[in-house]
C-alpha cells in the first residue's frame, strides 16, 4: 500500500479514507486480511496508536472485522465496495457543484459543461487515433 498524507486532516482520518478508497476500488475485497497494526504503521510511517485508531474506527463503521487469533479482515459484505464507491462519487459531485456555485454556475450549467467536456474529450481521442 502506498500512503500519502497532508496537513489538512488528522492522520487517522486520512488512513481511514485511503483504506475506504482501497475497498471502493477493489484493491481490498471482502475477506481480505490486512497486515498487522505494526506492519501497517511501519509501512505508512505513522505511530501504531494512530493506525490502531483508524482501524478501530473502520471496524466500528462495519468495514473491517477482527478475528481474535487471525487478525483484521475486510468484512464479508460485498456491497461495502459499492456503498463506499457511491458515497465517494457523491462527495466528489457535491464538492464540484459547490465549487461551481461559488463561480456563479448552476447545476444546469454544470451539466452543459460536462457534456461539452465529454464531446471535446471524444474529439481529442478520435484525433489521436487518426
N, C-alpha and C. Protein backbone atom coordinates (compact mmCIF):
# COMPACT_ATOMS: atom_id res chain seq x y z
N UNK A 1 0.84 -1.17 0.00
CA UNK A 1 0.00 0.00 0.00
C UNK A 1 0.89 1.24 0.00
N UNK A 2 0.49 2.21 -0.78
CA UNK A 2 1.22 3.47 -0.80
C UNK A 2 0.42 4.51 -0.04
N UNK A 3 1.05 5.12 0.94
CA UNK A 3 0.36 6.07 1.81
C UNK A 3 0.79 7.49 1.50
N UNK A 4 -0.19 8.39 1.46
CA UNK A 4 0.09 9.81 1.25
C UNK A 4 -0.70 10.60 2.28
N UNK A 5 -0.01 11.52 2.94
CA UNK A 5 -0.66 12.32 3.97
C UNK A 5 -0.43 13.81 3.73
N UNK A 6 -1.41 14.59 4.17
CA UNK A 6 -1.30 16.04 4.08
C UNK A 6 -1.54 16.61 5.47
N UNK A 7 -1.46 17.91 5.58
CA UNK A 7 -1.70 18.57 6.86
C UNK A 7 -3.15 19.02 7.01
N UNK A 8 -4.01 18.63 6.07
CA UNK A 8 -5.38 19.12 6.04
C UNK A 8 -6.33 18.41 7.01
N UNK A 9 -5.99 17.22 7.44
CA UNK A 9 -6.88 16.46 8.33
C UNK A 9 -6.01 15.57 9.21
N UNK A 10 -6.58 15.11 10.34
CA UNK A 10 -5.81 14.19 11.19
C UNK A 10 -5.38 12.94 10.41
N UNK A 11 -4.20 12.45 10.72
CA UNK A 11 -3.63 11.31 10.01
C UNK A 11 -4.56 10.10 10.07
N UNK A 12 -5.16 9.81 11.22
CA UNK A 12 -6.01 8.62 11.32
C UNK A 12 -7.19 8.72 10.35
N UNK A 13 -7.73 9.94 10.15
CA UNK A 13 -8.83 10.11 9.21
C UNK A 13 -8.36 9.89 7.77
N UNK A 14 -7.15 10.33 7.48
CA UNK A 14 -6.60 10.12 6.14
C UNK A 14 -6.34 8.64 5.89
N UNK A 15 -5.90 7.93 6.92
CA UNK A 15 -5.71 6.48 6.80
C UNK A 15 -7.05 5.82 6.51
N UNK A 16 -8.07 6.22 7.25
CA UNK A 16 -9.41 5.66 7.05
C UNK A 16 -9.88 5.90 5.61
N UNK A 17 -9.72 7.12 5.12
CA UNK A 17 -10.16 7.45 3.77
C UNK A 17 -9.41 6.64 2.72
N UNK A 18 -8.12 6.44 2.95
CA UNK A 18 -7.33 5.68 1.98
C UNK A 18 -7.73 4.20 1.98
N UNK A 19 -8.01 3.65 3.15
CA UNK A 19 -8.46 2.26 3.21
C UNK A 19 -9.86 2.14 2.58
N UNK A 20 -10.73 3.10 2.85
CA UNK A 20 -12.05 3.11 2.22
C UNK A 20 -11.92 3.14 0.70
N UNK A 21 -11.00 3.96 0.20
CA UNK A 21 -10.79 4.04 -1.25
C UNK A 21 -10.30 2.71 -1.80
N UNK A 22 -9.45 2.02 -1.04
CA UNK A 22 -8.96 0.70 -1.49
C UNK A 22 -10.09 -0.31 -1.56
N UNK A 23 -11.03 -0.21 -0.62
CA UNK A 23 -12.19 -1.11 -0.64
C UNK A 23 -13.11 -0.73 -1.80
N UNK A 24 -13.35 0.56 -1.98
CA UNK A 24 -14.25 1.03 -3.02
C UNK A 24 -13.76 0.68 -4.42
N UNK A 25 -12.45 0.68 -4.61
CA UNK A 25 -11.88 0.42 -5.94
C UNK A 25 -11.51 -1.05 -6.15
N UNK A 26 -11.71 -1.87 -5.13
CA UNK A 26 -11.44 -3.30 -5.29
C UNK A 26 -10.01 -3.71 -5.00
N UNK A 27 -9.18 -2.78 -4.56
CA UNK A 27 -7.81 -3.14 -4.16
C UNK A 27 -7.88 -4.08 -2.96
N UNK A 28 -8.80 -3.76 -2.04
CA UNK A 28 -9.12 -4.66 -0.93
C UNK A 28 -10.54 -5.17 -1.15
N UNK A 29 -10.73 -6.47 -1.05
CA UNK A 29 -12.06 -7.04 -1.27
C UNK A 29 -12.53 -7.80 -0.04
N UNK A 30 -13.81 -8.13 -0.04
CA UNK A 30 -14.40 -8.86 1.09
C UNK A 30 -13.56 -10.06 1.46
N UNK A 31 -13.24 -10.17 2.75
CA UNK A 31 -12.49 -11.31 3.24
C UNK A 31 -10.98 -11.13 3.23
N UNK A 32 -10.48 -10.08 2.58
CA UNK A 32 -9.03 -9.87 2.56
C UNK A 32 -8.51 -9.60 3.97
N UNK A 33 -7.37 -10.20 4.26
CA UNK A 33 -6.72 -10.00 5.55
C UNK A 33 -5.78 -8.80 5.44
N UNK A 34 -5.85 -7.92 6.44
CA UNK A 34 -4.95 -6.78 6.48
C UNK A 34 -3.69 -7.16 7.24
N UNK A 35 -2.57 -6.52 6.90
CA UNK A 35 -1.37 -6.73 7.71
C UNK A 35 -1.63 -6.27 9.14
N UNK A 36 -0.75 -6.63 10.05
CA UNK A 36 -0.90 -6.24 11.45
C UNK A 36 -0.81 -4.72 11.59
N UNK A 37 -1.30 -4.23 12.72
CA UNK A 37 -1.23 -2.80 13.01
C UNK A 37 0.21 -2.31 12.91
N UNK A 38 1.12 -3.05 13.50
CA UNK A 38 2.53 -2.67 13.48
C UNK A 38 3.08 -2.60 12.07
N UNK A 39 2.78 -3.62 11.28
CA UNK A 39 3.27 -3.65 9.90
C UNK A 39 2.72 -2.46 9.10
N UNK A 40 1.42 -2.21 9.24
CA UNK A 40 0.81 -1.08 8.54
C UNK A 40 1.40 0.25 9.00
N UNK A 41 1.61 0.37 10.30
CA UNK A 41 2.17 1.62 10.85
C UNK A 41 3.57 1.87 10.30
N UNK A 42 4.39 0.84 10.27
CA UNK A 42 5.75 0.99 9.74
C UNK A 42 5.68 1.36 8.26
N UNK A 43 4.84 0.66 7.52
CA UNK A 43 4.69 0.91 6.09
C UNK A 43 4.23 2.35 5.81
N UNK A 44 3.30 2.84 6.64
CA UNK A 44 2.75 4.18 6.45
C UNK A 44 3.62 5.26 7.11
N UNK A 45 4.53 4.84 7.96
CA UNK A 45 5.38 5.81 8.65
C UNK A 45 4.63 6.59 9.72
N UNK A 46 3.70 5.90 10.41
CA UNK A 46 2.92 6.56 11.46
C UNK A 46 3.06 5.78 12.77
N UNK A 47 2.63 6.40 13.85
CA UNK A 47 2.63 5.75 15.15
C UNK A 47 1.61 4.60 15.14
N UNK A 48 1.94 3.45 15.72
CA UNK A 48 0.99 2.33 15.77
C UNK A 48 -0.35 2.71 16.41
N UNK A 49 -0.33 3.63 17.39
CA UNK A 49 -1.59 4.05 18.02
C UNK A 49 -2.49 4.77 17.02
N UNK A 50 -1.89 5.53 16.11
CA UNK A 50 -2.66 6.22 15.07
C UNK A 50 -3.31 5.21 14.13
N UNK A 51 -2.53 4.21 13.73
CA UNK A 51 -3.07 3.17 12.85
C UNK A 51 -4.16 2.39 13.56
N UNK A 52 -3.94 2.06 14.83
CA UNK A 52 -4.94 1.33 15.61
C UNK A 52 -6.24 2.10 15.68
N UNK A 53 -6.15 3.41 15.90
CA UNK A 53 -7.35 4.24 15.97
C UNK A 53 -8.11 4.21 14.65
N UNK A 54 -7.40 4.33 13.54
CA UNK A 54 -8.05 4.30 12.22
C UNK A 54 -8.74 2.96 11.97
N UNK A 55 -8.05 1.88 12.26
CA UNK A 55 -8.61 0.54 12.03
C UNK A 55 -9.80 0.28 12.95
N UNK A 56 -9.71 0.73 14.19
CA UNK A 56 -10.82 0.56 15.13
C UNK A 56 -12.06 1.32 14.65
N UNK A 57 -11.84 2.52 14.13
CA UNK A 57 -12.97 3.30 13.59
C UNK A 57 -13.59 2.60 12.39
N UNK A 58 -12.76 2.02 11.54
CA UNK A 58 -13.28 1.29 10.37
C UNK A 58 -14.05 0.05 10.81
N UNK A 59 -13.62 -0.56 11.90
CA UNK A 59 -14.38 -1.68 12.47
C UNK A 59 -15.73 -1.20 12.98
N UNK A 60 -15.70 -0.07 13.69
CA UNK A 60 -16.94 0.49 14.23
C UNK A 60 -17.93 0.80 13.11
N UNK A 61 -17.40 1.23 11.96
CA UNK A 61 -18.24 1.54 10.80
C UNK A 61 -18.69 0.28 10.07
N UNK A 62 -18.15 -0.88 10.46
CA UNK A 62 -18.56 -2.14 9.86
C UNK A 62 -17.81 -2.51 8.59
N UNK A 63 -16.71 -1.82 8.30
CA UNK A 63 -15.96 -2.13 7.09
C UNK A 63 -14.88 -3.16 7.32
N UNK A 64 -14.39 -3.24 8.55
CA UNK A 64 -13.40 -4.24 8.92
C UNK A 64 -13.94 -5.05 10.09
N UNK A 65 -13.40 -6.24 10.26
CA UNK A 65 -13.75 -7.04 11.43
C UNK A 65 -12.50 -7.73 11.94
N UNK A 66 -12.47 -7.96 13.25
CA UNK A 66 -11.34 -8.64 13.87
C UNK A 66 -11.73 -10.06 14.20
N UNK A 67 -10.81 -10.95 13.95
CA UNK A 67 -10.98 -12.34 14.38
C UNK A 67 -9.85 -12.57 15.38
N UNK A 68 -10.23 -12.86 16.58
CA UNK A 68 -9.34 -12.86 17.74
C UNK A 68 -7.93 -13.38 17.47
N UNK A 69 -7.79 -14.51 16.86
CA UNK A 69 -6.45 -15.07 16.68
C UNK A 69 -5.93 -14.93 15.25
N UNK A 70 -6.75 -14.39 14.36
CA UNK A 70 -6.35 -14.35 12.95
C UNK A 70 -6.01 -12.96 12.42
N UNK A 71 -6.47 -11.91 13.08
CA UNK A 71 -6.18 -10.56 12.60
C UNK A 71 -7.41 -9.82 12.12
N UNK A 72 -7.19 -8.79 11.34
CA UNK A 72 -8.28 -7.96 10.82
C UNK A 72 -8.54 -8.28 9.36
N UNK A 73 -9.82 -8.25 9.00
CA UNK A 73 -10.25 -8.57 7.65
C UNK A 73 -11.25 -7.53 7.15
N UNK A 74 -11.31 -7.39 5.83
CA UNK A 74 -12.40 -6.60 5.23
C UNK A 74 -13.65 -7.43 5.43
N UNK A 75 -14.73 -6.81 5.88
CA UNK A 75 -15.95 -7.57 6.16
C UNK A 75 -16.43 -8.30 4.92
N UNK A 76 -17.18 -9.35 5.15
CA UNK A 76 -17.63 -10.21 4.07
C UNK A 76 -18.82 -9.66 3.29
N UNK A 77 -19.19 -8.42 3.52
CA UNK A 77 -20.31 -7.83 2.80
C UNK A 77 -19.81 -7.23 1.49
N UNK A 78 -20.07 -7.90 0.36
CA UNK A 78 -19.58 -7.40 -0.92
C UNK A 78 -20.21 -6.07 -1.33
N UNK A 79 -21.31 -5.69 -0.69
CA UNK A 79 -21.96 -4.42 -1.02
C UNK A 79 -21.18 -3.23 -0.47
N UNK A 80 -20.26 -3.48 0.47
CA UNK A 80 -19.48 -2.39 1.05
C UNK A 80 -18.76 -1.57 -0.02
N UNK A 81 -18.15 -2.26 -0.98
CA UNK A 81 -17.41 -1.56 -2.03
C UNK A 81 -18.35 -0.66 -2.83
N UNK A 82 -19.52 -1.17 -3.17
CA UNK A 82 -20.49 -0.37 -3.93
C UNK A 82 -20.96 0.83 -3.12
N UNK A 83 -21.25 0.61 -1.85
CA UNK A 83 -21.73 1.69 -0.98
C UNK A 83 -20.64 2.76 -0.83
N UNK A 84 -19.40 2.33 -0.59
CA UNK A 84 -18.29 3.27 -0.45
C UNK A 84 -18.05 4.05 -1.73
N UNK A 85 -18.08 3.33 -2.85
CA UNK A 85 -17.83 3.99 -4.13
C UNK A 85 -18.91 5.04 -4.41
N UNK A 86 -20.16 4.70 -4.14
CA UNK A 86 -21.23 5.66 -4.36
C UNK A 86 -21.07 6.88 -3.44
N UNK A 87 -20.72 6.64 -2.19
CA UNK A 87 -20.52 7.74 -1.25
C UNK A 87 -19.38 8.65 -1.71
N UNK A 88 -18.31 8.05 -2.21
CA UNK A 88 -17.17 8.84 -2.68
C UNK A 88 -17.55 9.64 -3.93
N UNK A 89 -18.30 9.03 -4.82
CA UNK A 89 -18.75 9.72 -6.02
C UNK A 89 -19.64 10.91 -5.64
N UNK A 90 -20.57 10.67 -4.71
CA UNK A 90 -21.47 11.74 -4.30
C UNK A 90 -20.70 12.89 -3.64
N UNK A 91 -19.66 12.56 -2.89
CA UNK A 91 -18.84 13.61 -2.26
C UNK A 91 -18.11 14.43 -3.33
N UNK A 92 -17.61 13.75 -4.37
CA UNK A 92 -16.95 14.47 -5.48
C UNK A 92 -17.94 15.38 -6.19
N UNK A 93 -19.13 14.88 -6.45
CA UNK A 93 -20.16 15.67 -7.13
C UNK A 93 -20.52 16.88 -6.27
N UNK A 94 -20.71 16.64 -4.98
CA UNK A 94 -21.06 17.72 -4.06
C UNK A 94 -20.00 18.81 -4.07
N UNK A 95 -18.74 18.41 -3.97
CA UNK A 95 -17.64 19.37 -3.98
C UNK A 95 -17.60 20.13 -5.30
N UNK A 96 -17.76 19.41 -6.40
CA UNK A 96 -17.76 20.05 -7.72
C UNK A 96 -18.88 21.07 -7.83
N UNK A 97 -20.08 20.69 -7.45
CA UNK A 97 -21.24 21.59 -7.54
C UNK A 97 -21.04 22.82 -6.65
N UNK A 98 -20.54 22.60 -5.43
CA UNK A 98 -20.28 23.72 -4.51
C UNK A 98 -19.25 24.68 -5.08
N UNK A 99 -18.17 24.13 -5.65
CA UNK A 99 -17.13 24.98 -6.23
C UNK A 99 -17.65 25.74 -7.45
N UNK A 100 -18.44 25.08 -8.26
CA UNK A 100 -19.01 25.74 -9.44
C UNK A 100 -20.01 26.82 -9.02
N UNK A 101 -20.78 26.57 -7.97
CA UNK A 101 -21.73 27.57 -7.48
C UNK A 101 -20.99 28.83 -7.02
N UNK A 102 -19.83 28.64 -6.41
CA UNK A 102 -19.01 29.79 -5.99
C UNK A 102 -18.58 30.63 -7.19
N UNK A 103 -18.47 29.97 -8.33
CA UNK A 103 -18.09 30.68 -9.56
C UNK A 103 -19.31 31.22 -10.30
N UNK A 104 -20.49 30.97 -9.74
CA UNK A 104 -21.71 31.50 -10.33
C UNK A 104 -22.44 30.57 -11.28
N UNK A 105 -22.06 29.31 -11.32
CA UNK A 105 -22.70 28.34 -12.21
C UNK A 105 -23.82 27.58 -11.51
N UNK A 106 -24.87 27.27 -12.26
CA UNK A 106 -25.97 26.46 -11.74
C UNK A 106 -25.70 25.00 -12.08
N UNK A 107 -26.53 24.11 -11.56
CA UNK A 107 -26.39 22.68 -11.88
C UNK A 107 -26.61 22.48 -13.37
N UNK A 108 -27.57 23.18 -13.96
CA UNK A 108 -27.80 23.07 -15.41
C UNK A 108 -26.56 23.49 -16.19
N UNK A 109 -25.92 24.57 -15.74
CA UNK A 109 -24.67 25.00 -16.38
C UNK A 109 -23.61 23.91 -16.28
N UNK A 110 -23.53 23.30 -15.13
CA UNK A 110 -22.54 22.24 -14.90
C UNK A 110 -22.77 21.06 -15.83
N UNK A 111 -24.02 20.70 -16.02
CA UNK A 111 -24.34 19.59 -16.92
C UNK A 111 -23.88 19.92 -18.34
N UNK A 112 -24.14 21.14 -18.79
CA UNK A 112 -23.71 21.56 -20.13
C UNK A 112 -22.19 21.53 -20.24
N UNK A 113 -21.51 21.98 -19.20
CA UNK A 113 -20.04 21.98 -19.21
C UNK A 113 -19.51 20.56 -19.29
N UNK A 114 -20.11 19.66 -18.54
CA UNK A 114 -19.67 18.25 -18.56
C UNK A 114 -19.93 17.64 -19.93
N UNK A 115 -21.08 17.93 -20.52
CA UNK A 115 -21.38 17.41 -21.85
C UNK A 115 -20.38 17.94 -22.88
N UNK A 116 -20.03 19.22 -22.77
CA UNK A 116 -19.03 19.80 -23.68
C UNK A 116 -17.68 19.13 -23.46
N UNK A 117 -17.33 18.94 -22.20
CA UNK A 117 -16.05 18.28 -21.87
C UNK A 117 -16.00 16.88 -22.49
N UNK A 118 -17.09 16.13 -22.33
CA UNK A 118 -17.14 14.77 -22.88
C UNK A 118 -16.99 14.81 -24.41
N UNK A 119 -17.69 15.73 -25.05
CA UNK A 119 -17.62 15.86 -26.51
C UNK A 119 -16.20 16.21 -26.95
N UNK A 120 -15.58 17.17 -26.26
CA UNK A 120 -14.21 17.57 -26.58
C UNK A 120 -13.22 16.43 -26.35
N UNK A 121 -13.42 15.68 -25.27
CA UNK A 121 -12.53 14.56 -24.97
C UNK A 121 -12.63 13.48 -26.05
N UNK A 122 -13.85 13.23 -26.54
CA UNK A 122 -14.04 12.25 -27.61
C UNK A 122 -13.36 12.71 -28.90
N UNK A 123 -13.44 14.01 -29.17
CA UNK A 123 -12.81 14.56 -30.36
C UNK A 123 -11.30 14.39 -30.29
N UNK A 124 -10.72 14.68 -29.13
CA UNK A 124 -9.27 14.52 -28.95
C UNK A 124 -8.88 13.07 -29.13
N UNK A 125 -9.67 12.15 -28.56
CA UNK A 125 -9.38 10.72 -28.69
C UNK A 125 -9.42 10.28 -30.15
N UNK A 126 -10.43 10.73 -30.88
CA UNK A 126 -10.56 10.37 -32.31
C UNK A 126 -9.41 10.94 -33.11
N UNK A 127 -8.99 12.17 -32.78
CA UNK A 127 -7.87 12.79 -33.49
C UNK A 127 -6.58 12.00 -33.26
N UNK A 128 -6.38 11.50 -32.06
CA UNK A 128 -5.17 10.72 -31.76
C UNK A 128 -5.18 9.39 -32.50
N UNK A 129 -6.36 8.82 -32.68
CA UNK A 129 -6.47 7.52 -33.36
C UNK A 129 -6.27 7.65 -34.86
N UNK A 130 -6.46 8.85 -35.39
CA UNK A 130 -6.33 9.06 -36.85
C UNK A 130 -4.90 9.11 -37.30
